[in-house]
Amino acid sequence: MPTIGIALPYSNTTHLPLTLDERNLGAIVRPAPALPAPDADAVIDAALDAPLGSPPLEEIVRPGQRVLVLSDDNTRPTPVHQILPRVLDRLVRAGVAPSDVEVLIAAGTHRPMTDQEIEAKLGPEMVRQIRVSRHQCYDFDALVRVTDPSAEHEIWLNRKMVEADFVLGIGNVVPHPHVGWSGGAKLLYPGIAGAATGATFPLVGVESPLNNLGRDDAPARVHLEDLAETAGLDFAINTVLTPDHRLFRVFGGIPRPVQSAARDSAKEVYGVPVAKRYDIVISNAYPAVLEFWQAGKGIFSGDLILNDGGTIILTAPCPEGVGVTHPDQVEYLALDQMELLSRIANRQVKDAVAAGVCALLGHIKKRSRIAVVSPGLRQQDLHAMGFEAFLTLEEAVEATLADYGPHTEIAIITHGGETVPFVNDADSTNKVLL
């Protein structure tokens, strides 16, 4: 039987080889081959020259104002080092002193970035010119309560946002399993939220069996947009990157229209039509590969093109294990789905952030099998979480084909951490998980 060789991107420097019989290759699902902007500086300047719904920065900030720039952290590929110098130039042109500008790393519940990581993210010149601080979600003294009429719970954000005269956020837009698409106001919640507030965010909509990956109207996104207007996010800069993380497009201006425009642009790259659903889907989690906390995104993308009762094979190196800041995923995924939802409803979980994500994954577990190939995850943890564990991708494929039949076609998602595959039928991208 003729075979075909496939090289899956595994880390930023390595690939994972896979050999399949031709009869088993159903589809290779990858982001569109978007061409990077020929002149990144020109694209950034164009977005800042004609922002959406707003005059340019240099016309709306005033001398002496304290400006806070929110930046995502090193788990996101946003090229802040390219954008920030051009933003600072416009602020200085408007009379704002560099000493009145501060960057706050909106890390949410992630581990703090090291000095070296911050320098790589922002650029060494920016680190020398302006103050940089790290959001600490557990530091209650650094938080202030924000009133949001649409929220069911108290919202606490980093007080630097309230104390600033002008707040600008820099982020990237890619598919997200909870808010549909990242970008815009997600820098606030959970980016600079207190731990208690961040715990309520992943619980929005977790009782619903819908897969929110790629949805424009995800319930959590609605909350985010309302919060941004209430809390005072004045300006947003959102990038859309090529699959190899080079600059594709940039949007600037009022957060809501910016996120909407960037989302539509991101769909051109990461929204991938597929002819049908499959019984077996290999979802390679790249570029979400550091830990299972990130790599689990590949399960959501694989589910969108999976037949009921099918199997998702997730591949990711996960060198940082299950999750540096969310180890309780093992405990929560080991629970029956109804038990987990009950504990969440009764506030009986220690890490509500992890519990919310696990609840979303639990809906998928109820209707499919999930196998995981990862050298960074212990087999006992995978089994406890309700997953099948394999040492190699070849072993996982062989075992799965033995269950579904040797002629079963397999779909392969090369960038499972960033892809929204969709079938051209009535369900579109938003399949109900049974």
Protein backbone atom coordinates (compact mmCIF):
# COMPACT_ATOMS: atom_id res chain seq x y z
CA MET A 1 0.00 0.00 0.00
CA PRO A 2 1.50 3.41 -0.98
CA THR A 3 2.29 5.69 1.95
CA ILE A 4 2.57 9.44 2.45
CA GLY A 5 4.90 11.26 4.83
CA ILE A 6 3.77 14.30 6.78
CA ALA A 7 5.90 16.59 8.98
CA LEU A 8 3.84 18.27 11.73
CA PRO A 9 5.21 21.43 13.39
CA TYR A 10 5.99 20.30 16.94
CA SER A 11 7.93 23.14 18.49
CA ASN A 12 9.50 26.29 17.11
CA THR A 13 12.51 24.22 16.03
CA THR A 14 11.29 20.64 15.54
CA HIS A 15 8.78 18.62 13.53
CA LEU A 16 6.89 15.43 14.30
CA PRO A 17 7.00 12.94 11.39
CA LEU A 18 4.00 10.82 10.51
CA THR A 19 3.64 8.15 7.82
CA LEU A 20 0.15 7.07 6.74
CA ASP A 21 -1.23 4.72 4.15
CA GLU A 22 -2.69 6.82 1.36
CA ARG A 23 -6.08 5.18 1.85
CA ASN A 24 -6.22 6.60 5.41
CA LEU A 25 -5.45 10.22 4.55
CA GLY A 26 -8.75 12.05 4.49
CA ALA A 27 -7.71 15.70 4.77
CA ILE A 28 -4.82 17.86 5.91
CA VAL A 29 -6.32 20.88 7.66
CA ARG A 30 -3.97 23.82 8.00
CA PRO A 31 -4.31 27.60 8.22
CA ALA A 32 -4.34 29.51 4.95
CA PRO A 33 -0.88 30.38 3.56
CA ALA A 34 -1.20 34.08 4.32
CA LEU A 35 1.61 36.30 3.04
CA PRO A 36 3.27 38.49 5.69
CA ALA A 37 3.11 42.24 5.34
CA PRO A 38 6.03 43.35 3.13
CA ASP A 39 6.69 46.31 5.42
CA ALA A 40 5.63 45.71 9.03
CA ASP A 41 6.34 49.27 10.14
CA ALA A 42 4.21 50.66 7.32
CA VAL A 43 1.28 48.39 8.22
CA ILE A 44 1.48 49.41 11.88
CA ASP A 45 1.67 53.10 10.96
CA ALA A 46 -1.31 52.77 8.62
CA ALA A 47 -3.42 51.32 11.45
CA LEU A 48 -2.35 54.14 13.77
CA ASP A 49 -2.87 56.82 11.12
CA ALA A 50 -6.51 55.81 10.49
CA PRO A 51 -7.84 54.07 13.61
CA LEU A 52 -11.35 52.61 13.67
CA GLY A 53 -13.87 54.85 15.41
CA SER A 54 -11.22 57.13 16.86
CA PRO A 55 -8.85 59.96 15.96
CA PRO A 56 -5.14 59.04 15.95
CA LEU A 57 -3.43 58.62 19.30
CA GLU A 58 -1.49 61.86 18.98
CA GLU A 59 -4.77 63.76 18.74
CA ILE A 60 -6.51 62.27 21.78
CA VAL A 61 -3.80 62.08 24.45
CA ARG A 62 -2.61 65.22 26.24
CA PRO A 63 0.70 66.37 27.73
CA GLY A 64 1.10 65.25 31.32
CA GLN A 65 -1.34 62.34 31.06
CA ARG A 66 -0.38 59.02 32.59
CA VAL A 67 -0.64 56.35 29.90
CA LEU A 68 -0.92 52.65 30.70
CA VAL A 69 -0.14 50.14 27.96
CA LEU A 70 -1.48 46.62 28.50
CA SER A 71 0.53 43.91 26.79
CA ASP A 72 -0.15 40.18 26.58
CA ASP A 73 2.60 37.89 27.86
CA ASN A 74 5.05 35.43 26.32
CA THR A 75 2.41 32.75 25.84
CA ARG A 76 1.14 34.90 22.95
CA PRO A 77 3.17 35.67 19.80
CA THR A 78 2.01 39.30 19.51
CA PRO A 79 4.95 41.34 18.11
CA VAL A 80 4.76 44.00 20.80
CA HIS A 81 8.44 44.82 20.22
CA GLN A 82 7.48 46.07 16.74
CA ILE A 83 4.38 48.00 17.80
CA LEU A 84 5.37 49.63 21.08
CA PRO A 85 8.15 51.90 19.72
CA ARG A 86 5.76 53.36 17.15
CA VAL A 87 3.10 53.89 19.81
CA LEU A 88 5.59 55.58 22.11
CA ASP A 89 6.72 57.84 19.28
CA ARG A 90 3.15 59.11 18.81
CA LEU A 91 2.64 59.57 22.53
CA VAL A 92 5.83 61.63 22.77
CA ARG A 93 4.73 63.63 19.72
CA ALA A 94 1.56 64.50 21.64
CA GLY A 95 3.58 65.74 24.61
CA VAL A 96 3.49 62.65 26.84
CA ALA A 97 6.81 62.05 28.57
CA PRO A 98 8.21 58.49 28.48
CA SER A 99 8.33 58.66 32.27
CA ASP A 100 4.52 58.92 32.25
CA VAL A 101 4.14 55.73 30.22
CA GLU A 102 4.01 52.30 31.86
CA VAL A 103 3.57 48.82 30.39
CA LEU A 104 1.59 46.33 32.46
CA ILE A 105 2.03 42.69 31.46
CA ALA A 106 -1.50 41.25 31.42
CA ALA A 107 -0.57 37.71 32.39
CA GLY A 108 -3.85 36.65 33.97
CA THR A 109 -3.17 33.52 36.01
CA HIS A 110 0.00 32.61 34.07
CA ARG A 111 3.37 32.47 35.77
CA PRO A 112 5.27 35.80 35.88
CA MET A 113 7.56 36.49 32.95
CA THR A 114 11.28 36.67 33.61
CA ASP A 115 13.28 39.82 32.90
CA GLN A 116 14.75 38.17 29.83
CA GLU A 117 11.29 37.23 28.53
CA ILE A 118 10.03 40.77 29.05
CA GLU A 119 12.98 42.22 27.16
CA ALA A 120 12.36 39.84 24.27
CA LYS A 121 8.64 40.67 24.27
CA LEU A 122 8.90 44.46 24.43
CA GLY A 123 12.36 45.08 23.00
CA PRO A 124 15.44 46.11 25.00
CA GLU A 125 15.13 49.79 24.06
CA MET A 126 11.55 49.99 25.35
CA VAL A 127 12.53 48.32 28.64
CA ARG A 128 15.19 50.99 29.11
CA GLN A 129 12.87 53.90 28.30
CA ILE A 130 9.63 53.10 30.11
CA ARG A 131 8.48 51.40 33.28
CA VAL A 132 7.31 47.80 33.08
CA SER A 133 5.31 45.94 35.72
CA ARG A 134 3.84 42.47 35.98
CA HIS A 135 0.23 41.92 36.94
CA GLN A 136 -0.07 39.71 40.02
CA CYS A 137 -3.58 38.29 40.21
CA TYR A 138 -3.19 37.22 43.85
CA ASP A 139 -1.98 40.63 45.14
CA PHE A 140 -5.23 42.02 46.54
CA ASP A 141 -3.61 45.36 47.43
CA ALA A 142 -2.92 45.93 43.72
CA LEU A 143 -6.61 45.53 42.79
CA VAL A 144 -9.64 47.79 42.73
CA ARG A 145 -13.29 46.92 42.32
CA VAL A 146 -14.91 47.88 39.01
CA THR A 147 -18.66 48.21 38.66
CA ASP A 148 -20.07 46.31 35.68
CA PRO A 149 -23.88 46.22 35.44
CA SER A 150 -23.81 43.14 33.19
CA ALA A 151 -21.66 41.05 35.52
CA GLU A 152 -23.11 38.61 38.01
CA HIS A 153 -20.09 38.77 40.29
CA GLU A 154 -17.68 41.38 41.63
CA ILE A 155 -14.95 42.39 39.22
CA TRP A 156 -11.54 43.38 40.53
CA LEU A 157 -8.90 44.74 38.14
CA ASN A 158 -5.36 46.02 38.56
CA ARG A 159 -5.67 49.48 40.08
CA LYS A 160 -3.10 50.86 37.63
CA MET A 161 -5.85 50.84 35.01
CA VAL A 162 -8.14 52.99 37.12
CA GLU A 163 -5.35 55.37 38.08
CA ALA A 164 -4.18 55.92 34.49
CA ASP A 165 -5.54 58.77 32.38
CA PHE A 166 -5.42 56.76 29.16
CA VAL A 167 -5.34 52.99 28.70
CA LEU A 168 -4.19 51.24 25.53
CA GLY A 169 -4.09 47.48 24.92
CA ILE A 170 -1.89 45.52 22.50
CA GLY A 171 -2.92 41.96 21.68
CA ASN A 172 -3.38 39.35 18.98
CA VAL A 173 -6.50 37.72 17.55
CA VAL A 174 -6.66 33.94 17.15
CA PRO A 175 -9.40 31.36 17.78
CA HIS A 176 -10.19 30.80 21.45
CA PRO A 177 -12.23 27.92 22.91
CA HIS A 178 -14.05 30.07 25.46
CA VAL A 179 -14.46 33.57 24.01
CA GLY A 180 -14.58 32.50 20.36
CA TRP A 181 -11.71 34.74 19.33
CA SER A 182 -9.07 36.41 21.46
CA GLY A 183 -8.11 40.07 21.28
CA GLY A 184 -9.48 43.38 22.50
CA ALA A 185 -10.94 43.30 25.98
CA LYS A 186 -9.50 39.88 26.84
CA LEU A 187 -6.47 41.79 28.12
CA LEU A 188 -8.66 42.94 31.00
CA TYR A 189 -10.45 39.80 31.92
CA PRO A 190 -8.65 37.64 32.94
CA GLY A 191 -5.46 39.49 31.82
CA ILE A 192 -5.35 42.08 34.62
CA ALA A 193 -8.12 40.69 36.82
CA GLY A 194 -7.78 39.51 40.38
CA ALA A 195 -7.75 35.78 40.97
CA ALA A 196 -11.34 35.76 42.29
CA THR A 197 -12.57 37.69 39.27
CA GLY A 198 -10.53 35.59 36.91
CA ALA A 199 -12.20 32.60 38.44
CA THR A 200 -15.64 33.77 37.36
CA PHE A 201 -14.63 34.44 33.77
CA PRO A 202 -14.09 30.81 32.65
CA LEU A 203 -17.41 29.86 34.27
CA VAL A 204 -19.47 31.96 31.87
CA GLY A 205 -21.41 29.51 29.72
CA VAL A 206 -19.69 26.32 30.93
CA GLU A 207 -23.00 24.55 31.43
CA SER A 208 -23.74 24.82 27.72
CA PRO A 209 -22.63 21.92 25.48
CA LEU A 210 -21.71 24.31 22.66
CA ASN A 211 -18.15 24.42 21.39
CA ASN A 212 -17.44 28.17 21.40
CA LEU A 213 -14.23 27.97 19.36
CA GLY A 214 -14.62 30.42 16.48
CA ARG A 215 -18.03 31.72 17.57
CA ASP A 216 -18.66 35.45 17.16
CA ASP A 217 -21.34 35.45 19.86
CA ALA A 218 -19.69 33.40 22.60
CA PRO A 219 -21.29 34.45 25.93
CA ALA A 220 -17.92 35.24 27.49
CA ARG A 221 -17.08 37.60 24.60
CA VAL A 222 -20.28 39.58 25.28
CA HIS A 223 -19.15 40.03 28.90
CA LEU A 224 -15.71 41.15 27.78
CA GLU A 225 -17.00 43.87 25.48
CA ASP A 226 -19.25 45.29 28.19
CA LEU A 227 -16.39 45.26 30.68
CA ALA A 228 -14.03 47.12 28.36
CA GLU A 229 -16.50 49.97 27.99
CA THR A 230 -17.22 50.10 31.72
CA ALA A 231 -13.62 49.87 32.91
CA GLY A 232 -12.23 52.32 30.37
CA LEU A 233 -10.10 50.58 27.76
CA ASP A 234 -9.61 53.64 25.56
CA PHE A 235 -7.72 52.25 22.59
CA ALA A 236 -6.82 48.81 21.25
CA ILE A 237 -4.23 47.55 18.80
CA ASN A 238 -4.85 44.03 17.55
CA THR A 239 -2.65 42.05 15.22
CA VAL A 240 -3.42 39.11 12.97
CA LEU A 241 -0.40 36.93 12.25
CA THR A 242 0.47 34.41 9.59
CA PRO A 243 0.67 30.75 10.69
CA ASP A 244 4.42 31.17 11.18
CA HIS A 245 3.78 34.23 13.38
CA ARG A 246 4.80 37.01 11.04
CA LEU A 247 2.75 40.17 10.85
CA PHE A 248 -0.23 39.91 8.50
CA ARG A 249 -2.55 42.79 9.44
CA VAL A 250 -2.94 45.38 12.19
CA PHE A 251 -6.02 47.19 13.45
CA GLY A 252 -6.19 50.10 15.88
CA GLY A 253 -8.88 52.23 17.46
CA ILE A 254 -11.94 51.74 19.69
CA PRO A 255 -11.78 48.19 21.14
CA ARG A 256 -15.12 46.79 19.93
CA PRO A 257 -14.76 47.61 16.19
CA VAL A 258 -11.06 46.74 16.31
CA GLN A 259 -11.70 43.27 17.68
CA SER A 260 -14.50 42.73 15.18
CA ALA A 261 -12.36 43.75 12.20
CA ALA A 262 -9.37 41.73 13.41
CA ARG A 263 -11.59 38.70 14.00
CA ASP A 264 -12.93 38.84 10.46
CA SER A 265 -9.38 39.10 9.15
CA ALA A 266 -8.25 36.20 11.34
CA LYS A 267 -11.00 34.03 9.85
CA GLU A 268 -9.28 34.38 6.47
CA VAL A 269 -6.21 32.69 7.94
CA TYR A 270 -7.48 30.35 10.66
CA GLY A 271 -10.99 29.49 9.50
CA VAL A 272 -10.56 26.40 7.32
CA PRO A 273 -13.41 24.72 5.38
CA VAL A 274 -13.50 20.91 5.46
CA ALA A 275 -15.64 18.74 3.19
CA LYS A 276 -16.99 16.38 5.87
CA ARG A 277 -16.59 15.04 9.38
CA TYR A 278 -14.28 12.17 10.27
CA ASP A 279 -14.20 9.29 12.74
CA ILE A 280 -10.55 10.00 13.54
CA VAL A 281 -8.98 13.46 13.81
CA ILE A 282 -5.32 14.02 14.64
CA SER A 283 -5.02 17.48 16.18
CA ASN A 284 -1.44 18.63 16.52
CA ALA A 285 -1.62 21.35 19.19
CA TYR A 286 1.08 23.59 17.73
CA PRO A 287 1.71 26.43 18.55
CA ALA A 288 0.03 25.82 21.93
CA VAL A 289 2.67 23.34 23.09
CA LEU A 290 4.22 24.40 26.42
CA GLU A 291 1.77 22.58 28.69
CA PHE A 292 -1.56 20.77 28.54
CA TRP A 293 -3.24 23.98 29.76
CA GLN A 294 -2.43 25.38 26.30
CA ALA A 295 -2.38 22.19 24.25
CA GLY A 296 -5.94 21.31 25.20
CA LYS A 297 -7.07 23.88 22.62
CA GLY A 298 -6.34 21.22 20.02
CA ILE A 299 -9.17 19.10 21.42
CA PHE A 300 -11.66 21.87 20.68
CA SER A 301 -10.49 22.28 17.10
CA GLY A 302 -10.53 18.55 16.49
CA ASP A 303 -14.06 18.25 17.84
CA LEU A 304 -15.46 20.65 15.22
CA ILE A 305 -14.93 18.10 12.43
CA LEU A 306 -15.40 14.88 14.41
CA ASN A 307 -18.26 12.43 13.96
CA ASP A 308 -20.20 11.44 17.06
CA GLY A 309 -18.35 8.61 18.75
CA GLY A 310 -15.12 9.49 16.96
CA THR A 311 -11.61 9.79 18.38
CA ILE A 312 -9.39 12.85 18.67
CA ILE A 313 -5.65 12.12 18.83
CA LEU A 314 -3.93 15.13 20.44
CA THR A 315 -0.19 15.59 19.97
CA ALA A 316 1.97 18.12 21.86
CA PRO A 317 5.36 18.07 23.60
CA CYS A 318 4.14 19.82 26.82
CA PRO A 319 7.62 20.31 28.37
CA GLU A 320 6.04 22.15 31.33
CA GLY A 321 3.65 19.29 32.10
CA VAL A 322 -0.07 19.54 32.84
CA GLY A 323 0.00 23.18 33.85
CA VAL A 324 2.43 25.23 35.92
CA THR A 325 -0.33 27.31 37.52
CA HIS A 326 -3.24 24.89 36.99
CA PRO A 327 -2.22 21.40 38.18
CA ASP A 328 -5.76 20.69 39.41
CA GLN A 329 -6.84 19.90 35.85
CA VAL A 330 -6.03 16.27 36.60
CA GLU A 331 -8.45 16.19 39.53
CA TYR A 332 -11.26 17.99 37.69
CA LEU A 333 -11.08 15.97 34.48
CA ALA A 334 -11.15 12.79 36.56
CA LEU A 335 -14.61 13.75 37.85
CA ASP A 336 -17.89 12.80 36.23
CA GLN A 337 -19.07 15.78 34.19
CA MET A 338 -22.24 16.32 36.25
CA GLU A 339 -20.22 16.13 39.46
CA LEU A 340 -17.79 18.74 38.20
CA LEU A 341 -20.59 21.08 37.13
CA SER A 342 -22.24 20.60 40.51
CA ARG A 343 -19.03 21.48 42.36
CA ILE A 344 -18.60 24.57 40.20
CA ALA A 345 -22.18 25.68 40.84
CA ASN A 346 -21.71 25.20 44.60
CA ARG A 347 -18.27 26.90 44.59
CA GLN A 348 -16.54 23.75 45.77
CA VAL A 349 -13.49 24.01 43.51
CA LYS A 350 -10.18 25.49 44.55
CA ASP A 351 -9.13 26.58 41.06
CA ALA A 352 -12.26 27.82 39.30
CA VAL A 353 -10.24 28.84 36.25
CA ALA A 354 -9.09 25.27 35.66
CA ALA A 355 -12.49 23.90 36.62
CA GLY A 356 -14.23 26.01 33.99
CA VAL A 357 -11.90 24.90 31.21
CA CYS A 358 -12.22 21.28 32.33
CA ALA A 359 -16.00 21.58 32.25
CA LEU A 360 -15.81 22.68 28.62
CA LEU A 361 -13.51 19.75 27.84
CA GLY A 362 -15.87 17.46 29.74
CA HIS A 363 -18.63 18.11 27.22
CA ILE A 364 -16.34 16.82 24.49
CA LYS A 365 -15.30 13.80 26.56
CA LYS A 366 -18.96 12.77 26.83
CA ARG A 367 -19.33 12.35 23.10
CA SER A 368 -15.90 11.28 21.88
CA ARG A 369 -12.74 9.41 22.75
CA ILE A 370 -9.55 11.38 23.29
CA ALA A 371 -6.07 9.93 22.94
CA VAL A 372 -2.96 11.93 23.83
CA VAL A 373 0.63 11.57 22.63
CA SER A 374 2.93 13.77 24.70
CA PRO A 375 6.39 13.11 26.17
CA GLY A 376 5.84 15.85 28.75
CA LEU A 377 2.73 14.31 30.33
CA ARG A 378 2.71 11.32 32.65
CA GLN A 379 0.62 8.39 31.48
CA GLN A 380 -1.00 8.04 34.91
CA ASP A 381 -2.18 11.66 34.72
CA LEU A 382 -3.59 11.14 31.23
CA HIS A 383 -5.45 8.03 32.33
CA ALA A 384 -6.79 9.84 35.39
CA MET A 385 -8.11 12.62 33.14
CA GLY A 386 -10.01 10.08 31.09
CA PHE A 387 -7.69 10.06 28.07
CA GLU A 388 -6.00 7.20 26.32
CA ALA A 389 -2.21 7.54 26.41
CA PHE A 390 0.28 6.49 23.73
CA LEU A 391 4.04 6.86 23.54
CA THR A 392 4.13 7.56 19.80
CA LEU A 393 1.75 8.92 17.21
CA GLU A 394 2.19 5.79 15.11
CA GLU A 395 1.02 3.63 18.03
CA ALA A 396 -2.02 5.86 18.55
CA VAL A 397 -2.96 5.72 14.87
CA GLU A 398 -2.50 1.94 14.67
CA ALA A 399 -4.62 1.31 17.77
CA THR A 400 -7.36 3.68 16.65
CA LEU A 401 -7.55 2.21 13.15
CA ALA A 402 -7.89 -1.23 14.74
CA ASP A 403 -11.10 0.03 16.36
CA TYR A 404 -12.60 1.84 13.37
CA GLY A 405 -11.32 -0.32 10.53
CA PRO A 406 -8.19 -0.30 8.35
CA HIS A 407 -9.83 1.79 5.61
CA THR A 408 -10.95 4.61 7.94
CA GLU A 409 -10.02 8.08 6.72
CA ILE A 410 -8.19 10.43 9.08
CA ALA A 411 -8.23 14.23 9.16
CA ILE A 412 -5.01 15.89 10.33
CA ILE A 413 -5.03 19.41 11.83
CA THR A 414 -1.48 20.73 11.65
CA HIS A 415 -2.00 23.81 13.88
CA GLY A 416 -4.64 22.60 16.33
CA GLY A 417 -3.96 25.39 18.80
CA GLU A 418 -5.01 28.08 16.31
CA THR A 419 -7.33 26.52 13.72
CA VAL A 420 -11.12 26.67 13.38
CA PRO A 421 -12.06 23.92 10.91
CA PHE A 422 -15.66 24.04 9.77
CA VAL A 423 -17.86 21.75 7.74
CA ASN A 424 -20.06 23.38 5.11
CA ASP A 425 -23.36 22.15 6.49
CA ALA A 426 -26.14 23.43 8.71
CA ASP A 427 -23.99 23.13 11.84
CA SER A 428 -21.24 25.36 10.37
CA THR A 429 -18.44 25.91 12.92
CA ASN A 430 -20.55 25.68 16.02
CA LYS A 431 -21.42 22.07 16.62
CA VAL A 432 -23.51 21.07 19.62
CA LEU A 433 -21.66 18.55 21.76
CA LEU A 434 -23.99 15.77 22.86
